[in-house]
């Protein structure tokens, strides 16, 4: 229903959920390769996650720009990494 009522908020929420899921997935994979022999794998995991999250961030910026063009408030979706500009890191 919210997608029909406000598709911009729905898209932003979806993008944030994808970023959070990617972060959590990467953390799990990193923990699974915590031994020193897994260093190369950890670098690959981190790079892959960073690339995907950056892509999501760019998509979120596009959605925010659409919202600003329509006069909508974008404060609700301030960050994709669990932070808002006025707050510290949330883990």
C-alpha atoms as a PDB file:
ATOM      1  CA  UNK A   1       0.000   0.000   0.000  1.00  0.00           C
ATOM      2  CA  UNK A   2       2.794   2.446   0.861  1.00  0.00           C
ATOM      3  CA  UNK A   3       4.273   1.937  -2.613  1.00  0.00           C
ATOM      4  CA  UNK A   4       1.073   3.280  -4.093  1.00  0.00           C
ATOM      5  CA  UNK A   5       0.754   6.115  -1.586  1.00  0.00           C
ATOM      6  CA  UNK A   6       4.357   7.314  -1.814  1.00  0.00           C
ATOM      7  CA  UNK A   7       6.534   5.521  -4.358  1.00  0.00           C
ATOM      8  CA  UNK A   8       9.575   7.705  -3.608  1.00  0.00           C
ATOM      9  CA  UNK A   9       9.578   6.755   0.089  1.00  0.00           C
ATOM     10  CA  UNK A  10       8.975   3.130  -0.844  1.00  0.00           C
ATOM     11  CA  UNK A  11      11.968   3.139  -3.214  1.00  0.00           C
ATOM     12  CA  UNK A  12      14.201   4.863  -0.636  1.00  0.00           C
ATOM     13  CA  UNK A  13      13.175   2.383   2.036  1.00  0.00           C
ATOM     14  CA  UNK A  14      13.863  -0.513  -0.321  1.00  0.00           C
ATOM     15  CA  UNK A  15      17.326   0.845  -1.122  1.00  0.00           C
ATOM     16  CA  UNK A  16      18.155   1.313   2.565  1.00  0.00           C
ATOM     17  CA  UNK A  17      16.945  -2.214   3.319  1.00  0.00           C
ATOM     18  CA  UNK A  18      19.168  -3.578   0.536  1.00  0.00           C
ATOM     19  CA  UNK A  19      22.174  -1.660   1.890  1.00  0.00           C
ATOM     20  CA  UNK A  20      21.545  -2.928   5.422  1.00  0.00           C
ATOM     21  CA  UNK A  21      21.168  -6.471   4.153  1.00  0.00           C
ATOM     22  CA  UNK A  22      24.403  -6.179   2.163  1.00  0.00           C
ATOM     23  CA  UNK A  23      26.243  -4.848   5.218  1.00  0.00           C
ATOM     24  CA  UNK A  24      24.964  -7.669   7.411  1.00  0.00           C
ATOM     25  CA  UNK A  25      25.805 -10.284   4.794  1.00  0.00           C
ATOM     26  CA  UNK A  26      29.343  -8.911   4.428  1.00  0.00           C
ATOM     27  CA  UNK A  27      29.843  -8.915   8.207  1.00  0.00           C
ATOM     28  CA  UNK A  28      28.811 -12.555   8.362  1.00  0.00           C
ATOM     29  CA  UNK A  29      31.165 -13.513   5.554  1.00  0.00           C
ATOM     30  CA  UNK A  30      34.017 -11.573   7.165  1.00  0.00           C
ATOM     31  CA  UNK A  31      33.487 -13.386  10.464  1.00  0.00           C
ATOM     32  CA  UNK A  32      33.517 -16.709   8.623  1.00  0.00           C
ATOM     33  CA  UNK A  33      36.947 -15.870   7.209  1.00  0.00           C
ATOM     34  CA  UNK A  34      38.485 -14.405  10.361  1.00  0.00           C
ATOM     35  CA  UNK A  35      41.619 -16.571  10.226  1.00  0.00           C
ATOM     36  CA  UNK A  36      44.805 -15.083   8.801  1.00  0.00           C
ATOM     37  CA  UNK A  37      44.662 -17.371   5.771  1.00  0.00           C
ATOM     38  CA  UNK A  38      41.384 -15.729   4.788  1.00  0.00           C
ATOM     39  CA  UNK A  39      42.901 -12.242   4.418  1.00  0.00           C
ATOM     40  CA  UNK A  40      42.626 -12.230   0.633  1.00  0.00           C
ATOM     41  CA  UNK A  41      39.054 -13.477   0.814  1.00  0.00           C
ATOM     42  CA  UNK A  42      38.193 -10.774   3.388  1.00  0.00           C
ATOM     43  CA  UNK A  43      39.548  -8.091   1.072  1.00  0.00           C
ATOM     44  CA  UNK A  44      37.421  -9.461  -1.776  1.00  0.00           C
ATOM     45  CA  UNK A  45      34.338  -9.571   0.466  1.00  0.00           C
ATOM     46  CA  UNK A  46      34.887  -5.999   1.643  1.00  0.00           C
ATOM     47  CA  UNK A  47      35.501  -4.696  -1.878  1.00  0.00           C
ATOM     48  CA  UNK A  48      32.409  -6.425  -3.239  1.00  0.00           C
ATOM     49  CA  UNK A  49      30.248  -5.062  -0.408  1.00  0.00           C
ATOM     50  CA  UNK A  50      31.653  -1.556  -0.811  1.00  0.00           C
ATOM     51  CA  UNK A  51      30.998  -1.593  -4.549  1.00  0.00           C
ATOM     52  CA  UNK A  52      27.390  -2.701  -4.053  1.00  0.00           C
ATOM     53  CA  UNK A  53      26.741  -0.208  -1.261  1.00  0.00           C
ATOM     54  CA  UNK A  54      28.206   2.641  -3.315  1.00  0.00           C
ATOM     55  CA  UNK A  55      25.882   1.684  -6.170  1.00  0.00           C
ATOM     56  CA  UNK A  56      22.933   1.687  -3.777  1.00  0.00           C
ATOM     57  CA  UNK A  57      24.065   5.076  -2.465  1.00  0.00           C
ATOM     58  CA  UNK A  58      24.061   6.495  -5.994  1.00  0.00           C
ATOM     59  CA  UNK A  59      20.578   5.088  -6.566  1.00  0.00           C
ATOM     60  CA  UNK A  60      19.434   6.628  -3.272  1.00  0.00           C
ATOM     61  CA  UNK A  61      20.838  10.003  -4.333  1.00  0.00           C
ATOM     62  CA  UNK A  62      18.775   9.798  -7.533  1.00  0.00           C
ATOM     63  CA  UNK A  63      15.658   9.058  -5.494  1.00  0.00           C
ATOM     64  CA  UNK A  64      16.465  11.941  -3.124  1.00  0.00           C
ATOM     65  CA  UNK A  65      16.860  14.281  -6.092  1.00  0.00           C
ATOM     66  CA  UNK A  66      13.467  13.178  -7.421  1.00  0.00           C
ATOM     67  CA  UNK A  67      11.977  13.845  -3.992  1.00  0.00           C
ATOM     68  CA  UNK A  68      13.543  17.318  -3.799  1.00  0.00           C
ATOM     69  CA  UNK A  69      12.235  18.121  -7.279  1.00  0.00           C
ATOM     70  CA  UNK A  70       8.747  17.212  -6.061  1.00  0.00           C
ATOM     71  CA  UNK A  71       9.166  19.257  -2.884  1.00  0.00           C
ATOM     72  CA  UNK A  72       9.332  16.257  -0.563  1.00  0.00           C
ATOM     73  CA  UNK A  73      11.329  16.111   2.672  1.00  0.00           C
ATOM     74  CA  UNK A  74      14.383  13.830   2.337  1.00  0.00           C
ATOM     75  CA  UNK A  75      15.470  13.860   6.009  1.00  0.00           C
ATOM     76  CA  UNK A  76      13.828  10.486   6.656  1.00  0.00           C
ATOM     77  CA  UNK A  77      16.298   8.725   4.385  1.00  0.00           C
ATOM     78  CA  UNK A  78      19.465  10.596   5.291  1.00  0.00           C
ATOM     79  CA  UNK A  79      21.927   7.714   4.978  1.00  0.00           C
ATOM     80  CA  UNK A  80      22.322   4.194   3.669  1.00  0.00           C
ATOM     81  CA  UNK A  81      24.929   3.013   6.141  1.00  0.00           C
ATOM     82  CA  UNK A  82      22.886   3.120   9.340  1.00  0.00           C
ATOM     83  CA  UNK A  83      23.821   6.728  10.123  1.00  0.00           C
ATOM     84  CA  UNK A  84      22.138  10.050   9.829  1.00  0.00           C
ATOM     85  CA  UNK A  85      24.148  13.175   9.312  1.00  0.00           C
ATOM     86  CA  UNK A  86      23.429  14.347  12.843  1.00  0.00           C
ATOM     87  CA  UNK A  87      24.161  11.005  14.536  1.00  0.00           C
ATOM     88  CA  UNK A  88      27.080   8.674  15.025  1.00  0.00           C
ATOM     89  CA  UNK A  89      27.428   5.152  13.709  1.00  0.00           C
ATOM     90  CA  UNK A  90      24.677   2.687  14.589  1.00  0.00           C
ATOM     91  CA  UNK A  91      25.764  -0.942  14.928  1.00  0.00           C
END
